[in-house]
């Protein structure tokens, strides 16, 4: 469902441009394979892989936060230094959230 929402409301070129700008200012992060909560992840910016790889990344981060079961490798452990992982992923999550709000939000009447 997340992938479908991304495909429906986000423009591939805008997402690619945002990633290129972010990585141009901060160095390679999203398009370079790196371990995120125990799983190697990389965003593939090709047409047919852009949204599936973004959706997989967001879903994995969500699961690491929400399904925090003891004994699982891919989980978030507060105050363990993993906050740095979340901080590095937050810009992408914020961009996606803002784009979805702009495309689907409605004005509130007072």
PDB file of N, CA and C in Angstrom:
ATOM      1  N   UNK A   1       0.814  -1.191   0.000  1.00  0.00           N
ATOM      2  CA  UNK A   1       0.000   0.000   0.000  1.00  0.00           C
ATOM      3  C   UNK A   1       0.862   1.261   0.000  1.00  0.00           C
ATOM      4  N   UNK A   2       1.968   1.219   0.723  1.00  0.00           N
ATOM      5  CA  UNK A   2       2.862   2.376   0.749  1.00  0.00           C
ATOM      6  C   UNK A   2       3.417   2.643  -0.648  1.00  0.00           C
ATOM      7  N   UNK A   3       3.850   1.608  -1.313  1.00  0.00           N
ATOM      8  CA  UNK A   3       4.383   1.773  -2.668  1.00  0.00           C
ATOM      9  C   UNK A   3       3.321   2.359  -3.590  1.00  0.00           C
ATOM     10  N   UNK A   4       2.108   1.909  -3.475  1.00  0.00           N
ATOM     11  CA  UNK A   4       1.013   2.430  -4.299  1.00  0.00           C
ATOM     12  C   UNK A   4       0.779   3.908  -4.022  1.00  0.00           C
ATOM     13  N   UNK A   5       0.811   4.308  -2.760  1.00  0.00           N
ATOM     14  CA  UNK A   5       0.636   5.725  -2.404  1.00  0.00           C
ATOM     15  C   UNK A   5       1.770   6.565  -2.984  1.00  0.00           C
ATOM     16  N   UNK A   6       2.989   6.064  -2.901  1.00  0.00           N
ATOM     17  CA  UNK A   6       4.129   6.785  -3.466  1.00  0.00           C
ATOM     18  C   UNK A   6       3.967   6.943  -4.974  1.00  0.00           C
ATOM     19  N   UNK A   7       3.591   5.868  -5.634  1.00  0.00           N
ATOM     20  CA  UNK A   7       3.421   5.909  -7.090  1.00  0.00           C
ATOM     21  C   UNK A   7       2.302   6.858  -7.507  1.00  0.00           C
ATOM     22  N   UNK A   8       1.258   6.906  -6.710  1.00  0.00           N
ATOM     23  CA  UNK A   8       0.100   7.719  -7.052  1.00  0.00           C
ATOM     24  C   UNK A   8       0.337   9.208  -6.817  1.00  0.00           C
ATOM     25  N   UNK A   9       1.062   9.553  -5.757  1.00  0.00           N
ATOM     26  CA  UNK A   9       1.137  10.955  -5.354  1.00  0.00           C
ATOM     27  C   UNK A   9       2.493  11.628  -5.543  1.00  0.00           C
ATOM     28  N   UNK A  10       3.552  10.863  -5.755  1.00  0.00           N
ATOM     29  CA  UNK A  10       4.865  11.472  -5.907  1.00  0.00           C
ATOM     30  C   UNK A  10       5.328  11.409  -7.355  1.00  0.00           C
ATOM     31  N   UNK A  11       6.049  12.422  -7.759  1.00  0.00           N
ATOM     32  CA  UNK A  11       6.620  12.488  -9.097  1.00  0.00           C
ATOM     33  C   UNK A  11       8.043  11.917  -9.052  1.00  0.00           C
ATOM     34  N   UNK A  12       8.311  10.934  -9.896  1.00  0.00           N
ATOM     35  CA  UNK A  12       9.624  10.273  -9.886  1.00  0.00           C
ATOM     36  C   UNK A  12      10.767  11.263 -10.081  1.00  0.00           C
ATOM     37  N   UNK A  13      10.604  12.182 -11.013  1.00  0.00           N
ATOM     38  CA  UNK A  13      11.678  13.141 -11.272  1.00  0.00           C
ATOM     39  C   UNK A  13      11.925  14.051 -10.073  1.00  0.00           C
ATOM     40  N   UNK A  14      10.873  14.443  -9.377  1.00  0.00           N
ATOM     41  CA  UNK A  14      11.027  15.284  -8.184  1.00  0.00           C
ATOM     42  C   UNK A  14      11.745  14.526  -7.075  1.00  0.00           C
ATOM     43  N   UNK A  15      11.404  13.259  -6.925  1.00  0.00           N
ATOM     44  CA  UNK A  15      12.056  12.436  -5.899  1.00  0.00           C
ATOM     45  C   UNK A  15      13.531  12.254  -6.242  1.00  0.00           C
ATOM     46  N   UNK A  16      13.807  11.932  -7.495  1.00  0.00           N
ATOM     47  CA  UNK A  16      15.214  11.788  -7.925  1.00  0.00           C
ATOM     48  C   UNK A  16      15.990  13.081  -7.711  1.00  0.00           C
ATOM     49  N   UNK A  17      15.380  14.206  -8.050  1.00  0.00           N
ATOM     50  CA  UNK A  17      16.037  15.502  -7.879  1.00  0.00           C
ATOM     51  C   UNK A  17      16.307  15.778  -6.409  1.00  0.00           C
ATOM     52  N   UNK A  18      15.344  15.462  -5.541  1.00  0.00           N
ATOM     53  CA  UNK A  18      15.541  15.684  -4.108  1.00  0.00           C
ATOM     54  C   UNK A  18      16.705  14.827  -3.604  1.00  0.00           C
ATOM     55  N   UNK A  19      16.734  13.565  -4.002  1.00  0.00           N
ATOM     56  CA  UNK A  19      17.817  12.669  -3.569  1.00  0.00           C
ATOM     57  C   UNK A  19      19.160  13.185  -4.084  1.00  0.00           C
ATOM     58  N   UNK A  20      19.224  13.595  -5.339  1.00  0.00           N
ATOM     59  CA  UNK A  20      20.477  14.105  -5.920  1.00  0.00           C
ATOM     60  C   UNK A  20      20.939  15.361  -5.187  1.00  0.00           C
ATOM     61  N   UNK A  21      20.016  16.255  -4.879  1.00  0.00           N
ATOM     62  CA  UNK A  21      20.368  17.484  -4.160  1.00  0.00           C
ATOM     63  C   UNK A  21      20.841  17.166  -2.751  1.00  0.00           C
ATOM     64  N   UNK A  22      20.109  16.293  -2.073  1.00  0.00           N
ATOM     65  CA  UNK A  22      20.491  15.909  -0.710  1.00  0.00           C
ATOM     66  C   UNK A  22      21.885  15.285  -0.698  1.00  0.00           C
ATOM     67  N   UNK A  23      22.112  14.346  -1.591  1.00  0.00           N
ATOM     68  CA  UNK A  23      23.410  13.671  -1.620  1.00  0.00           C
ATOM     69  C   UNK A  23      24.514  14.597  -2.132  1.00  0.00           C
ATOM     70  N   UNK A  24      24.171  15.556  -2.974  1.00  0.00           N
ATOM     71  CA  UNK A  24      25.150  16.542  -3.412  1.00  0.00           C
ATOM     72  C   UNK A  24      25.633  17.414  -2.271  1.00  0.00           C
ATOM     73  N   UNK A  25      24.745  17.694  -1.332  1.00  0.00           N
ATOM     74  CA  UNK A  25      25.088  18.522  -0.169  1.00  0.00           C
ATOM     75  C   UNK A  25      25.664  17.722   0.992  1.00  0.00           C
ATOM     76  N   UNK A  26      25.313  16.440   1.093  1.00  0.00           N
ATOM     77  CA  UNK A  26      25.666  15.646   2.273  1.00  0.00           C
ATOM     78  C   UNK A  26      26.490  14.405   1.981  1.00  0.00           C
ATOM     79  N   UNK A  27      26.756  14.141   0.728  1.00  0.00           N
ATOM     80  CA  UNK A  27      27.474  12.922   0.368  1.00  0.00           C
ATOM     81  C   UNK A  27      26.500  11.779   0.128  1.00  0.00           C
ATOM     82  N   UNK A  28      26.963  10.713  -0.502  1.00  0.00           N
ATOM     83  CA  UNK A  28      26.091   9.582  -0.808  1.00  0.00           C
ATOM     84  C   UNK A  28      25.520   8.960   0.461  1.00  0.00           C
ATOM     85  N   UNK A  29      24.259   8.747   0.462  1.00  0.00           N
ATOM     86  CA  UNK A  29      23.626   8.108   1.615  1.00  0.00           C
ATOM     87  C   UNK A  29      22.532   7.143   1.174  1.00  0.00           C
ATOM     88  N   UNK A  30      21.534   7.659   0.485  1.00  0.00           N
ATOM     89  CA  UNK A  30      20.381   6.837   0.124  1.00  0.00           C
ATOM     90  C   UNK A  30      20.666   5.907  -1.050  1.00  0.00           C
ATOM     91  N   UNK A  31      21.481   6.336  -1.997  1.00  0.00           N
ATOM     92  CA  UNK A  31      21.752   5.519  -3.183  1.00  0.00           C
ATOM     93  C   UNK A  31      22.951   4.597  -3.007  1.00  0.00           C
ATOM     94  N   UNK A  32      23.592   4.676  -1.866  1.00  0.00           N
ATOM     95  CA  UNK A  32      24.726   3.803  -1.553  1.00  0.00           C
ATOM     96  C   UNK A  32      24.258   2.785  -0.523  1.00  0.00           C
ATOM     97  N   UNK A  33      24.557   1.508  -0.761  1.00  0.00           N
ATOM     98  CA  UNK A  33      24.108   0.483   0.182  1.00  0.00           C
ATOM     99  C   UNK A  33      24.717   0.718   1.553  1.00  0.00           C
ATOM    100  N   UNK A  34      23.834   0.736   2.549  1.00  0.00           N
ATOM    101  CA  UNK A  34      24.280   0.863   3.939  1.00  0.00           C
ATOM    102  C   UNK A  34      23.335   0.096   4.836  1.00  0.00           C
ATOM    103  N   UNK A  35      23.847  -0.318   5.965  1.00  0.00           N
ATOM    104  CA  UNK A  35      23.037  -1.093   6.896  1.00  0.00           C
ATOM    105  C   UNK A  35      22.139  -0.161   7.702  1.00  0.00           C
ATOM    106  N   UNK A  36      20.851  -0.468   7.671  1.00  0.00           N
ATOM    107  CA  UNK A  36      19.858   0.286   8.424  1.00  0.00           C
ATOM    108  C   UNK A  36      19.120  -0.716   9.305  1.00  0.00           C
ATOM    109  N   UNK A  37      19.362  -0.649  10.596  1.00  0.00           N
ATOM    110  CA  UNK A  37      18.762  -1.571  11.558  1.00  0.00           C
ATOM    111  C   UNK A  37      18.919  -3.025  11.124  1.00  0.00           C
ATOM    112  N   UNK A  38      20.150  -3.382  10.793  1.00  0.00           N
ATOM    113  CA  UNK A  38      20.478  -4.773  10.521  1.00  0.00           C
ATOM    114  C   UNK A  38      20.232  -5.259   9.107  1.00  0.00           C
ATOM    115  N   UNK A  39      19.793  -4.395   8.221  1.00  0.00           N
ATOM    116  CA  UNK A  39      19.536  -4.825   6.843  1.00  0.00           C
ATOM    117  C   UNK A  39      20.204  -3.867   5.864  1.00  0.00           C
ATOM    118  N   UNK A  40      20.942  -4.403   4.897  1.00  0.00           N
ATOM    119  CA  UNK A  40      21.552  -3.520   3.888  1.00  0.00           C
ATOM    120  C   UNK A  40      20.475  -2.973   2.950  1.00  0.00           C
ATOM    121  N   UNK A  41      20.405  -1.652   2.840  1.00  0.00           N
ATOM    122  CA  UNK A  41      19.391  -1.009   2.014  1.00  0.00           C
ATOM    123  C   UNK A  41      20.031   0.013   1.094  1.00  0.00           C
ATOM    124  N   UNK A  42      19.437   0.168  -0.092  1.00  0.00           N
ATOM    125  CA  UNK A  42      19.891   1.157  -1.069  1.00  0.00           C
ATOM    126  C   UNK A  42      18.702   1.544  -1.918  1.00  0.00           C
ATOM    127  N   UNK A  43      18.568   2.830  -2.194  1.00  0.00           N
ATOM    128  CA  UNK A  43      17.513   3.282  -3.096  1.00  0.00           C
ATOM    129  C   UNK A  43      18.050   3.241  -4.513  1.00  0.00           C
ATOM    130  N   UNK A  44      17.354   2.500  -5.350  1.00  0.00           N
ATOM    131  CA  UNK A  44      17.673   2.401  -6.769  1.00  0.00           C
ATOM    132  C   UNK A  44      16.813   3.444  -7.474  1.00  0.00           C
ATOM    133  N   UNK A  45      17.425   4.410  -8.135  1.00  0.00           N
ATOM    134  CA  UNK A  45      16.686   5.515  -8.739  1.00  0.00           C
ATOM    135  C   UNK A  45      16.197   5.225 -10.160  1.00  0.00           C
ATOM    136  N   UNK A  46      16.340   3.987 -10.621  1.00  0.00           N
ATOM    137  CA  UNK A  46      15.810   3.647 -11.944  1.00  0.00           C
ATOM    138  C   UNK A  46      14.282   3.677 -11.907  1.00  0.00           C
ATOM    139  N   UNK A  47      13.669   3.858 -13.063  1.00  0.00           N
ATOM    140  CA  UNK A  47      12.216   4.016 -13.153  1.00  0.00           C
ATOM    141  C   UNK A  47      11.427   2.923 -12.448  1.00  0.00           C
ATOM    142  N   UNK A  48      11.790   1.674 -12.675  1.00  0.00           N
ATOM    143  CA  UNK A  48      10.976   0.587 -12.128  1.00  0.00           C
ATOM    144  C   UNK A  48      11.360   0.192 -10.702  1.00  0.00           C
ATOM    145  N   UNK A  49      12.423   0.755 -10.150  1.00  0.00           N
ATOM    146  CA  UNK A  49      12.847   0.387  -8.800  1.00  0.00           C
ATOM    147  C   UNK A  49      12.784   1.528  -7.785  1.00  0.00           C
ATOM    148  N   UNK A  50      12.557   2.747  -8.224  1.00  0.00           N
ATOM    149  CA  UNK A  50      12.581   3.892  -7.317  1.00  0.00           C
ATOM    150  C   UNK A  50      11.587   3.731  -6.168  1.00  0.00           C
ATOM    151  N   UNK A  51      10.312   3.588  -6.485  1.00  0.00           N
ATOM    152  CA  UNK A  51       9.310   3.502  -5.433  1.00  0.00           C
ATOM    153  C   UNK A  51       9.341   2.186  -4.654  1.00  0.00           C
ATOM    154  N   UNK A  52       9.606   1.039  -5.301  1.00  0.00           N
ATOM    155  CA  UNK A  52       9.727  -0.188  -4.506  1.00  0.00           C
ATOM    156  C   UNK A  52      10.871  -0.128  -3.483  1.00  0.00           C
ATOM    157  N   UNK A  53      12.014   0.448  -3.859  1.00  0.00           N
ATOM    158  CA  UNK A  53      13.132   0.487  -2.908  1.00  0.00           C
ATOM    159  C   UNK A  53      12.909   1.533  -1.813  1.00  0.00           C
ATOM    160  N   UNK A  54      12.228   2.637  -2.131  1.00  0.00           N
ATOM    161  CA  UNK A  54      11.884   3.615  -1.090  1.00  0.00           C
ATOM    162  C   UNK A  54      10.869   3.010  -0.125  1.00  0.00           C
ATOM    163  N   UNK A  55       9.848   2.368  -0.667  1.00  0.00           N
ATOM    164  CA  UNK A  55       8.814   1.758   0.177  1.00  0.00           C
ATOM    165  C   UNK A  55       9.422   0.700   1.096  1.00  0.00           C
ATOM    166  N   UNK A  56      10.326  -0.112   0.573  1.00  0.00           N
ATOM    167  CA  UNK A  56      10.974  -1.147   1.388  1.00  0.00           C
ATOM    168  C   UNK A  56      11.788  -0.516   2.513  1.00  0.00           C
ATOM    169  N   UNK A  57      12.460   0.579   2.226  1.00  0.00           N
ATOM    170  CA  UNK A  57      13.281   1.269   3.231  1.00  0.00           C
ATOM    171  C   UNK A  57      12.407   1.843   4.339  1.00  0.00           C
ATOM    172  N   UNK A  58      11.338   2.542   3.952  1.00  0.00           N
ATOM    173  CA  UNK A  58      10.435   3.138   4.942  1.00  0.00           C
ATOM    174  C   UNK A  58       9.767   2.045   5.780  1.00  0.00           C
ATOM    175  N   UNK A  59       9.329   0.990   5.133  1.00  0.00           N
ATOM    176  CA  UNK A  59       8.671  -0.112   5.831  1.00  0.00           C
ATOM    177  C   UNK A  59       9.623  -0.790   6.817  1.00  0.00           C
ATOM    178  N   UNK A  60      10.861  -0.963   6.415  1.00  0.00           N
ATOM    179  CA  UNK A  60      11.847  -1.584   7.308  1.00  0.00           C
ATOM    180  C   UNK A  60      12.106  -0.698   8.532  1.00  0.00           C
ATOM    181  N   UNK A  61      12.235   0.594   8.320  1.00  0.00           N
ATOM    182  CA  UNK A  61      12.449   1.525   9.441  1.00  0.00           C
ATOM    183  C   UNK A  61      11.249   1.496  10.373  1.00  0.00           C
ATOM    184  N   UNK A  62      10.050   1.526   9.794  1.00  0.00           N
ATOM    185  CA  UNK A  62       8.826   1.470  10.594  1.00  0.00           C
ATOM    186  C   UNK A  62       8.789   0.207  11.448  1.00  0.00           C
ATOM    187  N   UNK A  63       9.100  -0.927  10.839  1.00  0.00           N
ATOM    188  CA  UNK A  63       9.078  -2.186  11.585  1.00  0.00           C
ATOM    189  C   UNK A  63      10.117  -2.211  12.698  1.00  0.00           C
ATOM    190  N   UNK A  64      11.284  -1.638  12.450  1.00  0.00           N
ATOM    191  CA  UNK A  64      12.328  -1.599  13.477  1.00  0.00           C
ATOM    192  C   UNK A  64      11.873  -0.779  14.680  1.00  0.00           C
ATOM    193  N   UNK A  65      11.069   0.239  14.440  1.00  0.00           N
ATOM    194  CA  UNK A  65      10.581   1.090  15.526  1.00  0.00           C
ATOM    195  C   UNK A  65       9.368   0.496  16.230  1.00  0.00           C
ATOM    196  N   UNK A  66       8.449  -0.034  15.462  1.00  0.00           N
ATOM    197  CA  UNK A  66       7.161  -0.474  16.010  1.00  0.00           C
ATOM    198  C   UNK A  66       7.213  -1.889  16.557  1.00  0.00           C
ATOM    199  N   UNK A  67       7.856  -2.786  15.858  1.00  0.00           N
ATOM    200  CA  UNK A  67       7.919  -4.187  16.259  1.00  0.00           C
ATOM    201  C   UNK A  67       9.245  -4.450  16.950  1.00  0.00           C
ATOM    202  N   UNK A  68       9.417  -3.828  18.066  1.00  0.00           N
ATOM    203  CA  UNK A  68      10.671  -3.862  18.796  1.00  0.00           C
ATOM    204  C   UNK A  68      10.693  -5.061  19.740  1.00  0.00           C
ATOM    205  N   UNK A  69      10.910  -6.247  19.173  1.00  0.00           N
ATOM    206  CA  UNK A  69      10.907  -7.471  19.961  1.00  0.00           C
ATOM    207  C   UNK A  69      12.328  -7.860  20.347  1.00  0.00           C
ATOM    208  N   UNK A  70      12.488  -8.230  21.579  1.00  0.00           N
ATOM    209  CA  UNK A  70      13.801  -8.639  22.061  1.00  0.00           C
ATOM    210  C   UNK A  70      14.275  -9.863  21.285  1.00  0.00           C
ATOM    211  N   UNK A  71      15.535  -9.854  20.932  1.00  0.00           N
ATOM    212  CA  UNK A  71      16.118 -10.964  20.206  1.00  0.00           C
ATOM    213  C   UNK A  71      16.160 -10.767  18.705  1.00  0.00           C
ATOM    214  N   UNK A  72      15.428  -9.776  18.196  1.00  0.00           N
ATOM    215  CA  UNK A  72      15.467  -9.498  16.761  1.00  0.00           C
ATOM    216  C   UNK A  72      16.629  -8.563  16.464  1.00  0.00           C
ATOM    217  N   UNK A  73      17.330  -8.839  15.384  1.00  0.00           N
ATOM    218  CA  UNK A  73      18.470  -8.021  15.003  1.00  0.00           C
ATOM    219  C   UNK A  73      18.012  -6.664  14.483  1.00  0.00           C
ATOM    220  N   UNK A  74      16.995  -6.666  13.644  1.00  0.00           N
ATOM    221  CA  UNK A  74      16.573  -5.428  12.994  1.00  0.00           C
ATOM    222  C   UNK A  74      15.560  -4.680  13.857  1.00  0.00           C
ATOM    223  N   UNK A  75      16.012  -4.177  14.981  1.00  0.00           N
ATOM    224  CA  UNK A  75      15.139  -3.406  15.844  1.00  0.00           C
ATOM    225  C   UNK A  75      15.877  -2.188  16.360  1.00  0.00           C
ATOM    226  N   UNK A  76      15.097  -1.197  16.740  1.00  0.00           N
ATOM    227  CA  UNK A  76      15.655   0.037  17.273  1.00  0.00           C
ATOM    228  C   UNK A  76      15.828  -0.114  18.780  1.00  0.00           C
ATOM    229  N   UNK A  77      17.009   0.200  19.263  1.00  0.00           N
ATOM    230  CA  UNK A  77      17.288   0.140  20.692  1.00  0.00           C
ATOM    231  C   UNK A  77      17.591   1.565  21.153  1.00  0.00           C
ATOM    232  N   UNK A  78      16.667   2.160  21.922  1.00  0.00           N
ATOM    233  CA  UNK A  78      16.883   3.543  22.372  1.00  0.00           C
ATOM    234  C   UNK A  78      18.175   3.700  23.181  1.00  0.00           C
ATOM    235  N   UNK A  79      18.786   4.862  23.045  1.00  0.00           N
ATOM    236  CA  UNK A  79      19.989   5.242  23.780  1.00  0.00           C
ATOM    237  C   UNK A  79      21.177   4.319  23.507  1.00  0.00           C
ATOM    238  N   UNK A  80      21.195   3.709  22.320  1.00  0.00           N
ATOM    239  CA  UNK A  80      22.286   2.800  21.968  1.00  0.00           C
ATOM    240  C   UNK A  80      23.173   3.383  20.871  1.00  0.00           C
ATOM    241  N   UNK A  81      22.870   4.600  20.463  1.00  0.00           N
ATOM    242  CA  UNK A  81      23.598   5.200  19.358  1.00  0.00           C
ATOM    243  C   UNK A  81      22.868   5.057  18.040  1.00  0.00           C
ATOM    244  N   UNK A  82      21.805   4.252  18.017  1.00  0.00           N
ATOM    245  CA  UNK A  82      21.039   4.066  16.788  1.00  0.00           C
ATOM    246  C   UNK A  82      20.220   5.300  16.420  1.00  0.00           C
ATOM    247  N   UNK A  83      20.172   6.265  17.309  1.00  0.00           N
ATOM    248  CA  UNK A  83      19.479   7.511  17.003  1.00  0.00           C
ATOM    249  C   UNK A  83      20.101   8.170  15.769  1.00  0.00           C
ATOM    250  N   UNK A  84      21.388   7.949  15.569  1.00  0.00           N
ATOM    251  CA  UNK A  84      22.077   8.498  14.393  1.00  0.00           C
ATOM    252  C   UNK A  84      21.482   7.949  13.099  1.00  0.00           C
ATOM    253  N   UNK A  85      21.063   6.689  13.125  1.00  0.00           N
ATOM    254  CA  UNK A  85      20.433   6.086  11.948  1.00  0.00           C
ATOM    255  C   UNK A  85      19.130   6.824  11.648  1.00  0.00           C
ATOM    256  N   UNK A  86      18.332   7.042  12.680  1.00  0.00           N
ATOM    257  CA  UNK A  86      17.058   7.743  12.483  1.00  0.00           C
ATOM    258  C   UNK A  86      17.280   9.165  11.990  1.00  0.00           C
ATOM    259  N   UNK A  87      18.267   9.840  12.544  1.00  0.00           N
ATOM    260  CA  UNK A  87      18.551  11.214  12.102  1.00  0.00           C
ATOM    261  C   UNK A  87      18.950  11.259  10.635  1.00  0.00           C
ATOM    262  N   UNK A  88      19.669  10.259  10.181  1.00  0.00           N
ATOM    263  CA  UNK A  88      20.092  10.255   8.779  1.00  0.00           C
ATOM    264  C   UNK A  88      18.953   9.862   7.839  1.00  0.00           C
ATOM    265  N   UNK A  89      17.952   9.180   8.342  1.00  0.00           N
ATOM    266  CA  UNK A  89      16.805   8.782   7.530  1.00  0.00           C
ATOM    267  C   UNK A  89      15.683   9.815   7.571  1.00  0.00           C
ATOM    268  N   UNK A  90      15.673  10.667   8.577  1.00  0.00           N
ATOM    269  CA  UNK A  90      14.589  11.638   8.767  1.00  0.00           C
ATOM    270  C   UNK A  90      14.373  12.577   7.579  1.00  0.00           C
ATOM    271  N   UNK A  91      15.410  13.088   6.920  1.00  0.00           N
ATOM    272  CA  UNK A  91      15.154  13.987   5.788  1.00  0.00           C
ATOM    273  C   UNK A  91      14.317  13.343   4.681  1.00  0.00           C
ATOM    274  N   UNK A  92      14.589  12.097   4.354  1.00  0.00           N
ATOM    275  CA  UNK A  92      13.801  11.408   3.335  1.00  0.00           C
ATOM    276  C   UNK A  92      12.360  11.245   3.800  1.00  0.00           C
ATOM    277  N   UNK A  93      12.181  10.821   5.034  1.00  0.00           N
ATOM    278  CA  UNK A  93      10.839  10.629   5.573  1.00  0.00           C
ATOM    279  C   UNK A  93      10.067  11.948   5.596  1.00  0.00           C
ATOM    280  N   UNK A  94      10.745  13.024   5.960  1.00  0.00           N
ATOM    281  CA  UNK A  94      10.110  14.341   5.980  1.00  0.00           C
ATOM    282  C   UNK A  94       9.712  14.777   4.570  1.00  0.00           C
ATOM    283  N   UNK A  95      10.595  14.587   3.605  1.00  0.00           N
ATOM    284  CA  UNK A  95      10.287  14.940   2.225  1.00  0.00           C
ATOM    285  C   UNK A  95       9.043  14.197   1.745  1.00  0.00           C
ATOM    286  N   UNK A  96       9.003  12.899   1.973  1.00  0.00           N
ATOM    287  CA  UNK A  96       7.860  12.092   1.536  1.00  0.00           C
ATOM    288  C   UNK A  96       6.587  12.570   2.225  1.00  0.00           C
ATOM    289  N   UNK A  97       6.642  12.783   3.530  1.00  0.00           N
ATOM    290  CA  UNK A  97       5.465  13.232   4.273  1.00  0.00           C
ATOM    291  C   UNK A  97       4.963  14.572   3.752  1.00  0.00           C
ATOM    292  N   UNK A  98       5.861  15.506   3.532  1.00  0.00           N
ATOM    293  CA  UNK A  98       5.465  16.826   3.038  1.00  0.00           C
ATOM    294  C   UNK A  98       4.827  16.732   1.655  1.00  0.00           C
ATOM    295  N   UNK A  99       5.417  15.939   0.773  1.00  0.00           N
ATOM    296  CA  UNK A  99       4.858  15.779  -0.571  1.00  0.00           C
ATOM    297  C   UNK A  99       3.464  15.158  -0.517  1.00  0.00           C
ATOM    298  N   UNK A 100       3.295  14.148   0.320  1.00  0.00           N
ATOM    299  CA  UNK A 100       1.984  13.508   0.431  1.00  0.00           C
ATOM    300  C   UNK A 100       0.946  14.466   1.011  1.00  0.00           C
ATOM    301  N   UNK A 101       1.332  15.253   1.989  1.00  0.00           N
ATOM    302  CA  UNK A 101       0.408  16.232   2.571  1.00  0.00           C
ATOM    303  C   UNK A 101       0.021  17.280   1.538  1.00  0.00           C
ATOM    304  N   UNK A 102       0.999  17.778   0.789  1.00  0.00           N
ATOM    305  CA  UNK A 102       0.705  18.786  -0.229  1.00  0.00           C
ATOM    306  C   UNK A 102      -0.234  18.244  -1.308  1.00  0.00           C
ATOM    307  N   UNK A 103      -0.070  16.973  -1.669  1.00  0.00           N
ATOM    308  CA  UNK A 103      -0.881  16.392  -2.733  1.00  0.00           C
ATOM    309  C   UNK A 103      -2.255  15.939  -2.261  1.00  0.00           C
ATOM    310  N   UNK A 104      -2.403  15.598  -0.987  1.00  0.00           N
ATOM    311  CA  UNK A 104      -3.668  15.011  -0.517  1.00  0.00           C
ATOM    312  C   UNK A 104      -4.387  15.866   0.521  1.00  0.00           C
ATOM    313  N   UNK A 105      -3.695  16.861   1.082  1.00  0.00           N
ATOM    314  CA  UNK A 105      -4.293  17.661   2.144  1.00  0.00           C
ATOM    315  C   UNK A 105      -5.419  18.556   1.643  1.00  0.00           C
ATOM    316  N   UNK A 106      -6.279  18.889   2.564  1.00  0.00           N
ATOM    317  CA  UNK A 106      -7.392  19.782   2.249  1.00  0.00           C
ATOM    318  C   UNK A 106      -7.318  20.982   3.186  1.00  0.00           C
ATOM    319  N   UNK A 107      -7.749  22.132   2.689  1.00  0.00           N
ATOM    320  CA  UNK A 107      -7.776  23.331   3.513  1.00  0.00           C
ATOM    321  C   UNK A 107      -8.806  23.163   4.639  1.00  0.00           C
ATOM    322  N   UNK A 108      -8.468  23.678   5.799  1.00  0.00           N
ATOM    323  CA  UNK A 108      -9.368  23.618   6.945  1.00  0.00           C
ATOM    324  C   UNK A 108     -10.142  24.932   6.985  1.00  0.00           C
ATOM    325  N   UNK A 109     -11.450  24.817   7.089  1.00  0.00           N
ATOM    326  CA  UNK A 109     -12.318  25.990   7.161  1.00  0.00           C
ATOM    327  C   UNK A 109     -12.621  26.299   8.627  1.00  0.00           C
ATOM    328  N   UNK A 110     -12.417  27.556   9.012  1.00  0.00           N
ATOM    329  CA  UNK A 110     -12.727  27.980  10.375  1.00  0.00           C
ATOM    330  C   UNK A 110     -13.945  28.845  10.395  1.00  0.00           C
TER     331      UNK A 110
END
